[in-house]
PDB file of all heavy atoms in Angstrom:
ATOM      1  N   GLY A   1     -55.336  43.451 -46.596  1.00  0.00           N
ATOM      2  CA  GLY A   1     -55.706  42.076 -46.278  1.00  0.00           C
ATOM      3  C   GLY A   1     -56.009  41.249 -47.503  1.00  0.00           C
ATOM      4  O   GLY A   1     -56.382  40.075 -47.376  1.00  0.00           O
ATOM      5  N   LEU A   2     -55.857  41.858 -48.715  1.00  0.00           N
ATOM      6  CA  LEU A   2     -56.207  41.161 -49.950  1.00  0.00           C
ATOM      7  C   LEU A   2     -55.012  40.959 -50.893  1.00  0.00           C
ATOM      8  O   LEU A   2     -54.935  39.945 -51.569  1.00  0.00           O
ATOM      9  CB  LEU A   2     -57.295  41.967 -50.708  1.00  0.00           C
ATOM     10  CG  LEU A   2     -58.621  42.150 -49.975  1.00  0.00           C
ATOM     11  CD1 LEU A   2     -59.511  43.093 -50.779  1.00  0.00           C
ATOM     12  CD2 LEU A   2     -59.316  40.810 -49.778  1.00  0.00           C
ATOM     13  N   SER A   3     -54.122  41.937 -50.948  1.00  0.00           N
ATOM     14  CA  SER A   3     -53.024  41.949 -51.918  1.00  0.00           C
ATOM     15  C   SER A   3     -51.691  41.791 -51.191  1.00  0.00           C
ATOM     16  O   SER A   3     -51.412  42.497 -50.237  1.00  0.00           O
ATOM     17  CB  SER A   3     -53.037  43.269 -52.695  1.00  0.00           C
ATOM     18  OG  SER A   3     -51.754  43.580 -53.210  1.00  0.00           O
ATOM     19  N   VAL A   4     -50.836  40.880 -51.689  1.00  0.00           N
ATOM     20  CA  VAL A   4     -49.533  40.680 -51.059  1.00  0.00           C
ATOM     21  C   VAL A   4     -48.686  41.939 -51.175  1.00  0.00           C
ATOM     22  O   VAL A   4     -47.914  42.264 -50.265  1.00  0.00           O
ATOM     23  CB  VAL A   4     -48.794  39.466 -51.637  1.00  0.00           C
ATOM     24  CG1 VAL A   4     -49.507  38.168 -51.285  1.00  0.00           C
ATOM     25  CG2 VAL A   4     -48.607  39.593 -53.132  1.00  0.00           C
ATOM     26  N   SER A   5     -48.807  42.675 -52.294  1.00  0.00           N
ATOM     27  CA  SER A   5     -47.996  43.862 -52.488  1.00  0.00           C
ATOM     28  C   SER A   5     -48.397  44.963 -51.516  1.00  0.00           C
ATOM     29  O   SER A   5     -47.540  45.631 -50.918  1.00  0.00           O
ATOM     30  CB  SER A   5     -48.136  44.370 -53.926  1.00  0.00           C
ATOM     31  OG  SER A   5     -47.733  43.405 -54.853  1.00  0.00           O
ATOM     32  N   ILE A   6     -49.725  45.147 -51.337  1.00  0.00           N
ATOM     33  CA  ILE A   6     -50.171  46.172 -50.388  1.00  0.00           C
ATOM     34  C   ILE A   6     -49.857  45.748 -48.960  1.00  0.00           C
ATOM     35  O   ILE A   6     -49.466  46.561 -48.126  1.00  0.00           O
ATOM     36  CB  ILE A   6     -51.682  46.428 -50.553  1.00  0.00           C
ATOM     37  CG1 ILE A   6     -51.989  46.947 -51.959  1.00  0.00           C
ATOM     38  CG2 ILE A   6     -52.169  47.416 -49.498  1.00  0.00           C
ATOM     39  CD1 ILE A   6     -53.486  47.159 -52.233  1.00  0.00           C
ATOM     40  N   ALA A   7     -50.022  44.449 -48.667  1.00  0.00           N
ATOM     41  CA  ALA A   7     -49.684  43.955 -47.322  1.00  0.00           C
ATOM     42  C   ALA A   7     -48.231  44.226 -46.994  1.00  0.00           C
ATOM     43  O   ALA A   7     -47.869  44.666 -45.894  1.00  0.00           O
ATOM     44  CB  ALA A   7     -49.999  42.463 -47.208  1.00  0.00           C
ATOM     45  N   ALA A   8     -47.357  43.972 -47.953  1.00  0.00           N
ATOM     46  CA  ALA A   8     -45.920  44.227 -47.745  1.00  0.00           C
ATOM     47  C   ALA A   8     -45.681  45.707 -47.495  1.00  0.00           C
ATOM     48  O   ALA A   8     -44.883  46.080 -46.624  1.00  0.00           O
ATOM     49  CB  ALA A   8     -45.121  43.739 -48.951  1.00  0.00           C
ATOM     50  N   ALA A   9     -46.343  46.567 -48.252  1.00  0.00           N
ATOM     51  CA  ALA A   9     -46.213  48.018 -48.054  1.00  0.00           C
ATOM     52  C   ALA A   9     -46.696  48.421 -46.672  1.00  0.00           C
ATOM     53  O   ALA A   9     -46.102  49.276 -46.013  1.00  0.00           O
ATOM     54  CB  ALA A   9     -46.966  48.772 -49.138  1.00  0.00           C
ATOM     55  N   SER A  10     -47.786  47.798 -46.223  1.00  0.00           N
ATOM     56  CA  SER A  10     -48.319  48.149 -44.892  1.00  0.00           C
ATOM     57  C   SER A  10     -47.334  47.752 -43.803  1.00  0.00           C
ATOM     58  O   SER A  10     -47.173  48.475 -42.802  1.00  0.00           O
ATOM     59  CB  SER A  10     -49.677  47.448 -44.649  1.00  0.00           C
ATOM     60  OG  SER A  10     -49.536  46.101 -44.293  1.00  0.00           O
ATOM     61  N   ILE A  11     -46.625  46.643 -43.971  1.00  0.00           N
ATOM     62  CA  ILE A  11     -45.635  46.196 -42.977  1.00  0.00           C
ATOM     63  C   ILE A  11     -44.458  47.136 -42.944  1.00  0.00           C
ATOM     64  O   ILE A  11     -44.003  47.571 -41.879  1.00  0.00           O
ATOM     65  CB  ILE A  11     -45.194  44.762 -43.287  1.00  0.00           C
ATOM     66  CG1 ILE A  11     -46.360  43.788 -43.049  1.00  0.00           C
ATOM     67  CG2 ILE A  11     -43.984  44.366 -42.435  1.00  0.00           C
ATOM     68  CD1 ILE A  11     -46.127  42.399 -43.600  1.00  0.00           C
ATOM     69  N   VAL A  12     -43.942  47.508 -44.126  1.00  0.00           N
ATOM     70  CA  VAL A  12     -42.791  48.397 -44.179  1.00  0.00           C
ATOM     71  C   VAL A  12     -43.134  49.769 -43.585  1.00  0.00           C
ATOM     72  O   VAL A  12     -42.359  50.335 -42.797  1.00  0.00           O
ATOM     73  CB  VAL A  12     -42.292  48.538 -45.631  1.00  0.00           C
ATOM     74  CG1 VAL A  12     -41.204  49.640 -45.721  1.00  0.00           C
ATOM     75  CG2 VAL A  12     -41.743  47.223 -46.144  1.00  0.00           C
ATOM     76  N   ALA A  13     -44.308  50.274 -43.933  1.00  0.00           N
ATOM     77  CA  ALA A  13     -44.714  51.585 -43.415  1.00  0.00           C
ATOM     78  C   ALA A  13     -44.884  51.535 -41.907  1.00  0.00           C
ATOM     79  O   ALA A  13     -44.437  52.455 -41.181  1.00  0.00           O
ATOM     80  CB  ALA A  13     -46.015  52.037 -44.089  1.00  0.00           C
ATOM     81  N   LYS A  14     -45.525  50.485 -41.402  1.00  0.00           N
ATOM     82  CA  LYS A  14     -45.765  50.361 -39.955  1.00  0.00           C
ATOM     83  C   LYS A  14     -44.455  50.235 -39.169  1.00  0.00           C
ATOM     84  O   LYS A  14     -44.272  50.905 -38.151  1.00  0.00           O
ATOM     85  CB  LYS A  14     -46.665  49.153 -39.696  1.00  0.00           C
ATOM     86  CG  LYS A  14     -46.853  48.750 -38.260  1.00  0.00           C
ATOM     87  CD  LYS A  14     -47.601  49.786 -37.447  1.00  0.00           C
ATOM     88  CE  LYS A  14     -47.896  49.250 -36.047  1.00  0.00           C
ATOM     89  NZ  LYS A  14     -48.369  50.350 -35.166  1.00  0.00           N
ATOM     90  N   VAL A  15     -43.550  49.364 -39.631  1.00  0.00           N
ATOM     91  CA  VAL A  15     -42.296  49.165 -38.904  1.00  0.00           C
ATOM     92  C   VAL A  15     -41.469  50.447 -38.932  1.00  0.00           C
ATOM     93  O   VAL A  15     -40.894  50.869 -37.915  1.00  0.00           O
ATOM     94  CB  VAL A  15     -41.503  47.991 -39.498  1.00  0.00           C
ATOM     95  CG1 VAL A  15     -40.093  47.943 -38.921  1.00  0.00           C
ATOM     96  CG2 VAL A  15     -42.230  46.680 -39.233  1.00  0.00           C
ATOM     97  N   THR A  16     -41.419  51.111 -40.092  1.00  0.00           N
ATOM     98  CA  THR A  16     -40.666  52.353 -40.205  1.00  0.00           C
ATOM     99  C   THR A  16     -41.220  53.403 -39.244  1.00  0.00           C
ATOM    100  O   THR A  16     -40.466  54.082 -38.526  1.00  0.00           O
ATOM    101  CB  THR A  16     -40.714  52.899 -41.638  1.00  0.00           C
ATOM    102  OG1 THR A  16     -40.176  51.911 -42.524  1.00  0.00           O
ATOM    103  CG2 THR A  16     -39.911  54.195 -41.768  1.00  0.00           C
ATOM    104  N   ARG A  17     -42.544  53.567 -39.223  1.00  0.00           N
ATOM    105  CA  ARG A  17     -43.123  54.579 -38.348  1.00  0.00           C
ATOM    106  C   ARG A  17     -42.925  54.235 -36.869  1.00  0.00           C
ATOM    107  O   ARG A  17     -42.644  55.119 -36.049  1.00  0.00           O
ATOM    108  CB  ARG A  17     -44.610  54.769 -38.626  1.00  0.00           C
ATOM    109  CG  ARG A  17     -45.185  55.950 -37.858  1.00  0.00           C
ATOM    110  CD  ARG A  17     -46.651  56.232 -38.126  1.00  0.00           C
ATOM    111  NE  ARG A  17     -46.997  57.474 -37.470  1.00  0.00           N
ATOM    112  CZ  ARG A  17     -47.297  57.605 -36.190  1.00  0.00           C
ATOM    113  NH1 ARG A  17     -47.296  56.521 -35.408  1.00  0.00           N
ATOM    114  NH2 ARG A  17     -47.602  58.771 -35.685  1.00  0.00           N
ATOM    115  N   ASP A  18     -43.113  52.948 -36.533  1.00  0.00           N
ATOM    116  CA  ASP A  18     -42.902  52.561 -35.129  1.00  0.00           C
ATOM    117  C   ASP A  18     -41.483  52.885 -34.675  1.00  0.00           C
ATOM    118  O   ASP A  18     -41.259  53.347 -33.543  1.00  0.00           O
ATOM    119  CB  ASP A  18     -43.185  51.064 -34.951  1.00  0.00           C
ATOM    120  CG  ASP A  18     -44.678  50.756 -34.887  1.00  0.00           C
ATOM    121  OD1 ASP A  18     -45.492  51.707 -34.936  1.00  0.00           O
ATOM    122  OD2 ASP A  18     -45.017  49.563 -34.810  1.00  0.00           O
ATOM    123  N   ARG A  19     -40.507  52.631 -35.532  1.00  0.00           N
ATOM    124  CA  ARG A  19     -39.118  52.922 -35.186  1.00  0.00           C
ATOM    125  C   ARG A  19     -38.916  54.435 -34.998  1.00  0.00           C
ATOM    126  O   ARG A  19     -38.204  54.854 -34.085  1.00  0.00           O
ATOM    127  CB  ARG A  19     -38.179  52.379 -36.255  1.00  0.00           C
ATOM    128  CG  ARG A  19     -38.127  50.836 -36.282  1.00  0.00           C
ATOM    129  CD  ARG A  19     -37.256  50.355 -37.436  1.00  0.00           C
ATOM    130  NE  ARG A  19     -37.138  48.907 -37.454  1.00  0.00           N
ATOM    131  CZ  ARG A  19     -36.482  48.205 -38.370  1.00  0.00           C
ATOM    132  NH1 ARG A  19     -35.865  48.847 -39.373  1.00  0.00           N
ATOM    133  NH2 ARG A  19     -36.421  46.907 -38.326  1.00  0.00           N
ATOM    134  N   LEU A  20     -39.546  55.215 -35.869  1.00  0.00           N
ATOM    135  CA  LEU A  20     -39.434  56.669 -35.721  1.00  0.00           C
ATOM    136  C   LEU A  20     -40.030  57.130 -34.408  1.00  0.00           C
ATOM    137  O   LEU A  20     -39.481  57.988 -33.719  1.00  0.00           O
ATOM    138  CB  LEU A  20     -40.135  57.357 -36.896  1.00  0.00           C
ATOM    139  CG  LEU A  20     -39.427  57.265 -38.265  1.00  0.00           C
ATOM    140  CD1 LEU A  20     -40.345  57.822 -39.343  1.00  0.00           C
ATOM    141  CD2 LEU A  20     -38.107  58.021 -38.242  1.00  0.00           C
ATOM    142  N   MET A  21     -41.202  56.570 -34.067  1.00  0.00           N
ATOM    143  CA  MET A  21     -41.860  56.999 -32.825  1.00  0.00           C
ATOM    144  C   MET A  21     -41.120  56.507 -31.584  1.00  0.00           C
ATOM    145  O   MET A  21     -41.153  57.153 -30.531  1.00  0.00           O
ATOM    146  CB  MET A  21     -43.307  56.500 -32.801  1.00  0.00           C
ATOM    147  CG  MET A  21     -44.205  57.143 -33.855  1.00  0.00           C
ATOM    148  SD  MET A  21     -44.122  58.959 -33.882  1.00  0.00           S
ATOM    149  CE  MET A  21     -44.813  59.363 -32.279  1.00  0.00           C
ATOM    150  N   GLN A  22     -40.411  55.409 -31.695  1.00  0.00           N
ATOM    151  CA  GLN A  22     -39.568  54.986 -30.582  1.00  0.00           C
ATOM    152  C   GLN A  22     -38.432  55.975 -30.361  1.00  0.00           C
ATOM    153  O   GLN A  22     -38.058  56.294 -29.228  1.00  0.00           O
ATOM    154  CB  GLN A  22     -39.025  53.580 -30.843  1.00  0.00           C
ATOM    155  CG  GLN A  22     -40.085  52.498 -30.685  1.00  0.00           C
ATOM    156  CD  GLN A  22     -39.679  51.182 -31.303  1.00  0.00           C
ATOM    157  OE1 GLN A  22     -38.610  51.050 -31.906  1.00  0.00           O
ATOM    158  NE2 GLN A  22     -40.545  50.177 -31.194  1.00  0.00           N
ATOM    159  N   ALA A  23     -37.900  56.500 -31.467  1.00  0.00           N
ATOM    160  CA  ALA A  23     -36.863  57.537 -31.359  1.00  0.00           C
ATOM    161  C   ALA A  23     -37.424  58.819 -30.764  1.00  0.00           C
ATOM    162  O   ALA A  23     -36.778  59.450 -29.899  1.00  0.00           O
ATOM    163  CB  ALA A  23     -36.250  57.816 -32.731  1.00  0.00           C
ATOM    164  N   VAL A  24     -38.638  59.180 -31.178  1.00  0.00           N
ATOM    165  CA  VAL A  24     -39.304  60.340 -30.574  1.00  0.00           C
ATOM    166  C   VAL A  24     -39.511  60.114 -29.083  1.00  0.00           C
ATOM    167  O   VAL A  24     -39.318  61.017 -28.256  1.00  0.00           O
ATOM    168  CB  VAL A  24     -40.655  60.625 -31.259  1.00  0.00           C
ATOM    169  CG1 VAL A  24     -41.448  61.677 -30.516  1.00  0.00           C
ATOM    170  CG2 VAL A  24     -40.421  61.087 -32.711  1.00  0.00           C
ATOM    171  N   GLY A  25     -39.871  58.904 -28.720  1.00  0.00           N
ATOM    172  CA  GLY A  25     -40.063  58.573 -27.307  1.00  0.00           C
ATOM    173  C   GLY A  25     -38.804  58.712 -26.474  1.00  0.00           C
ATOM    174  O   GLY A  25     -38.868  59.105 -25.306  1.00  0.00           O
ATOM    175  N   ARG A  26     -37.666  58.405 -27.084  1.00  0.00           N
ATOM    176  CA  ARG A  26     -36.390  58.567 -26.340  1.00  0.00           C
ATOM    177  C   ARG A  26     -36.096  60.056 -26.137  1.00  0.00           C
ATOM    178  O   ARG A  26     -35.492  60.428 -25.108  1.00  0.00           O
ATOM    179  CB  ARG A  26     -35.254  57.878 -27.102  1.00  0.00           C
ATOM    180  CG  ARG A  26     -35.344  56.350 -27.068  1.00  0.00           C
ATOM    181  CD  ARG A  26     -34.088  55.698 -27.575  1.00  0.00           C
ATOM    182  NE  ARG A  26     -33.906  55.892 -29.021  1.00  0.00           N
ATOM    183  CZ  ARG A  26     -34.401  55.088 -29.938  1.00  0.00           C
ATOM    184  NH1 ARG A  26     -35.121  54.028 -29.603  1.00  0.00           N
ATOM    185  NH2 ARG A  26     -34.162  55.317 -31.215  1.00  0.00           N
ATOM    186  N   ALA A  27     -36.496  60.867 -27.106  1.00  0.00           N
ATOM    187  CA  ALA A  27     -36.236  62.312 -26.982  1.00  0.00           C
ATOM    188  C   ALA A  27     -37.248  62.995 -26.054  1.00  0.00           C
ATOM    189  O   ALA A  27     -36.930  63.994 -25.407  1.00  0.00           O
ATOM    190  CB  ALA A  27     -36.267  62.971 -28.360  1.00  0.00           C
ATOM    191  N   TYR A  28     -38.485  62.439 -26.009  1.00  0.00           N
ATOM    192  CA  TYR A  28     -39.560  63.013 -25.174  1.00  0.00           C
ATOM    193  C   TYR A  28     -40.152  61.911 -24.320  1.00  0.00           C
ATOM    194  O   TYR A  28     -41.269  61.438 -24.547  1.00  0.00           O
ATOM    195  CB  TYR A  28     -40.637  63.639 -26.067  1.00  0.00           C
ATOM    196  CG  TYR A  28     -40.174  64.874 -26.814  1.00  0.00           C
ATOM    197  CD1 TYR A  28     -39.470  64.754 -28.006  1.00  0.00           C
ATOM    198  CD2 TYR A  28     -40.428  66.139 -26.305  1.00  0.00           C
ATOM    199  CE1 TYR A  28     -39.027  65.891 -28.681  1.00  0.00           C
ATOM    200  CE2 TYR A  28     -39.993  67.273 -26.972  1.00  0.00           C
ATOM    201  CZ  TYR A  28     -39.301  67.126 -28.150  1.00  0.00           C
ATOM    202  OH  TYR A  28     -38.863  68.270 -28.819  1.00  0.00           O
ATOM    203  N   PRO A  29     -39.419  61.428 -23.294  1.00  0.00           N
ATOM    204  CA  PRO A  29     -39.823  60.269 -22.524  1.00  0.00           C
ATOM    205  C   PRO A  29     -41.090  60.467 -21.699  1.00  0.00           C
ATOM    206  O   PRO A  29     -41.703  59.483 -21.280  1.00  0.00           O
ATOM    207  CB  PRO A  29     -38.613  59.984 -21.626  1.00  0.00           C
ATOM    208  CG  PRO A  29     -37.894  61.301 -21.539  1.00  0.00           C
ATOM    209  CD  PRO A  29     -38.096  61.964 -22.845  1.00  0.00           C
ATOM    210  N   ASP A  30     -41.512  61.706 -21.460  1.00  0.00           N
ATOM    211  CA  ASP A  30     -42.678  61.939 -20.612  1.00  0.00           C
ATOM    212  C   ASP A  30     -43.995  61.551 -21.291  1.00  0.00           C
ATOM    213  O   ASP A  30     -45.010  61.470 -20.604  1.00  0.00           O
ATOM    214  CB  ASP A  30     -42.756  63.409 -20.208  1.00  0.00           C
ATOM    215  CG  ASP A  30     -41.607  63.828 -19.271  1.00  0.00           C
ATOM    216  OD1 ASP A  30     -41.110  62.937 -18.551  1.00  0.00           O
ATOM    217  OD2 ASP A  30     -41.240  64.999 -19.288  1.00  0.00           O
ATOM    218  N   TYR A  31     -43.988  61.331 -22.589  1.00  0.00           N
ATOM    219  CA  TYR A  31     -45.263  61.133 -23.294  1.00  0.00           C
ATOM    220  C   TYR A  31     -45.576  59.652 -23.592  1.00  0.00           C
ATOM    221  O   TYR A  31     -46.691  59.350 -24.000  1.00  0.00           O
ATOM    222  CB  TYR A  31     -45.240  61.914 -24.620  1.00  0.00           C
ATOM    223  CG  TYR A  31     -45.255  63.400 -24.425  1.00  0.00           C
ATOM    224  CD1 TYR A  31     -44.070  64.109 -24.302  1.00  0.00           C
ATOM    225  CD2 TYR A  31     -46.456  64.091 -24.337  1.00  0.00           C
ATOM    226  CE1 TYR A  31     -44.060  65.481 -24.115  1.00  0.00           C
ATOM    227  CE2 TYR A  31     -46.464  65.468 -24.158  1.00  0.00           C
ATOM    228  CZ  TYR A  31     -45.273  66.152 -24.028  1.00  0.00           C
ATOM    229  OH  TYR A  31     -45.283  67.503 -23.845  1.00  0.00           O
ATOM    230  N   GLY A  32     -44.634  58.754 -23.441  1.00  0.00           N
ATOM    231  CA  GLY A  32     -44.909  57.335 -23.692  1.00  0.00           C
ATOM    232  C   GLY A  32     -45.048  56.986 -25.148  1.00  0.00           C
ATOM    233  O   GLY A  32     -45.723  56.019 -25.507  1.00  0.00           O
ATOM    234  N   PHE A  33     -44.404  57.760 -26.064  1.00  0.00           N
ATOM    235  CA  PHE A  33     -44.542  57.494 -27.478  1.00  0.00           C
ATOM    236  C   PHE A  33     -44.065  56.101 -27.867  1.00  0.00           C
ATOM    237  O   PHE A  33     -44.554  55.521 -28.841  1.00  0.00           O
ATOM    238  CB  PHE A  33     -43.748  58.538 -28.293  1.00  0.00           C
ATOM    239  CG  PHE A  33     -44.354  59.899 -28.292  1.00  0.00           C
ATOM    240  CD1 PHE A  33     -43.602  61.003 -27.920  1.00  0.00           C
ATOM    241  CD2 PHE A  33     -45.657  60.111 -28.680  1.00  0.00           C
ATOM    242  CE1 PHE A  33     -44.144  62.272 -27.900  1.00  0.00           C
ATOM    243  CE2 PHE A  33     -46.207  61.388 -28.683  1.00  0.00           C
ATOM    244  CZ  PHE A  33     -45.459  62.464 -28.298  1.00  0.00           C
ATOM    245  N   ASP A  34     -43.093  55.561 -27.137  1.00  0.00           N
ATOM    246  CA  ASP A  34     -42.575  54.259 -27.482  1.00  0.00           C
ATOM    247  C   ASP A  34     -43.635  53.156 -27.326  1.00  0.00           C
ATOM    248  O   ASP A  34     -43.543  52.114 -27.990  1.00  0.00           O
ATOM    249  CB  ASP A  34     -41.357  53.913 -26.647  1.00  0.00           C
ATOM    250  CG  ASP A  34     -41.628  53.994 -25.153  1.00  0.00           C
ATOM    251  OD1 ASP A  34     -42.488  54.809 -24.769  1.00  0.00           O
ATOM    252  OD2 ASP A  34     -40.990  53.258 -24.382  1.00  0.00           O
ATOM    253  N   SER A  35     -44.673  53.390 -26.502  1.00  0.00           N
ATOM    254  CA  SER A  35     -45.704  52.379 -26.319  1.00  0.00           C
ATOM    255  C   SER A  35     -46.940  52.642 -27.170  1.00  0.00           C
ATOM    256  O   SER A  35     -47.431  51.764 -27.877  1.00  0.00           O
ATOM    257  CB  SER A  35     -46.102  52.291 -24.853  1.00  0.00           C
ATOM    258  OG  SER A  35     -46.643  53.523 -24.403  1.00  0.00           O
ATOM    259  N   HIS A  36     -47.456  53.888 -27.150  1.00  0.00           N
ATOM    260  CA  HIS A  36     -48.708  54.148 -27.892  1.00  0.00           C
ATOM    261  C   HIS A  36     -48.490  54.725 -29.294  1.00  0.00           C
ATOM    262  O   HIS A  36     -49.445  54.806 -30.075  1.00  0.00           O
ATOM    263  CB  HIS A  36     -49.634  55.082 -27.099  1.00  0.00           C
ATOM    264  CG  HIS A  36     -49.018  56.386 -26.720  1.00  0.00           C
ATOM    265  ND1 HIS A  36     -48.638  57.348 -27.635  1.00  0.00           N
ATOM    266  CD2 HIS A  36     -48.725  56.911 -25.488  1.00  0.00           C
ATOM    267  CE1 HIS A  36     -48.150  58.403 -27.005  1.00  0.00           C
ATOM    268  NE2 HIS A  36     -48.187  58.157 -25.693  1.00  0.00           N
ATOM    269  N   LYS A  37     -47.249  55.077 -29.635  1.00  0.00           N
ATOM    270  CA  LYS A  37     -46.884  55.549 -30.989  1.00  0.00           C
ATOM    271  C   LYS A  37     -47.652  56.788 -31.412  1.00  0.00           C
ATOM    272  O   LYS A  37     -47.783  57.068 -32.614  1.00  0.00           O
ATOM    273  CB  LYS A  37     -47.063  54.421 -32.013  1.00  0.00           C
ATOM    274  CG  LYS A  37     -46.437  53.099 -31.663  1.00  0.00           C
ATOM    275  CD  LYS A  37     -44.928  53.214 -31.467  1.00  0.00           C
ATOM    276  CE  LYS A  37     -44.267  51.847 -31.327  1.00  0.00           C
ATOM    277  NZ  LYS A  37     -44.639  51.120 -30.100  1.00  0.00           N
ATOM    278  N   GLY A  38     -48.191  57.538 -30.454  1.00  0.00           N
ATOM    279  CA  GLY A  38     -48.893  58.766 -30.785  1.00  0.00           C
ATOM    280  C   GLY A  38     -50.390  58.644 -30.948  1.00  0.00           C
ATOM    281  O   GLY A  38     -51.076  59.635 -31.200  1.00  0.00           O
TER     282      GLY A  38
END
């Protein structure tokens, strides 16, 4: 919340992980990973 460089890193990390968890959710649909991300 203070540095533009860290904020950018937080966005890239978050979007990357969310996309990975959406893929996990497609493979394991019973757990709802696509919504709660684990």
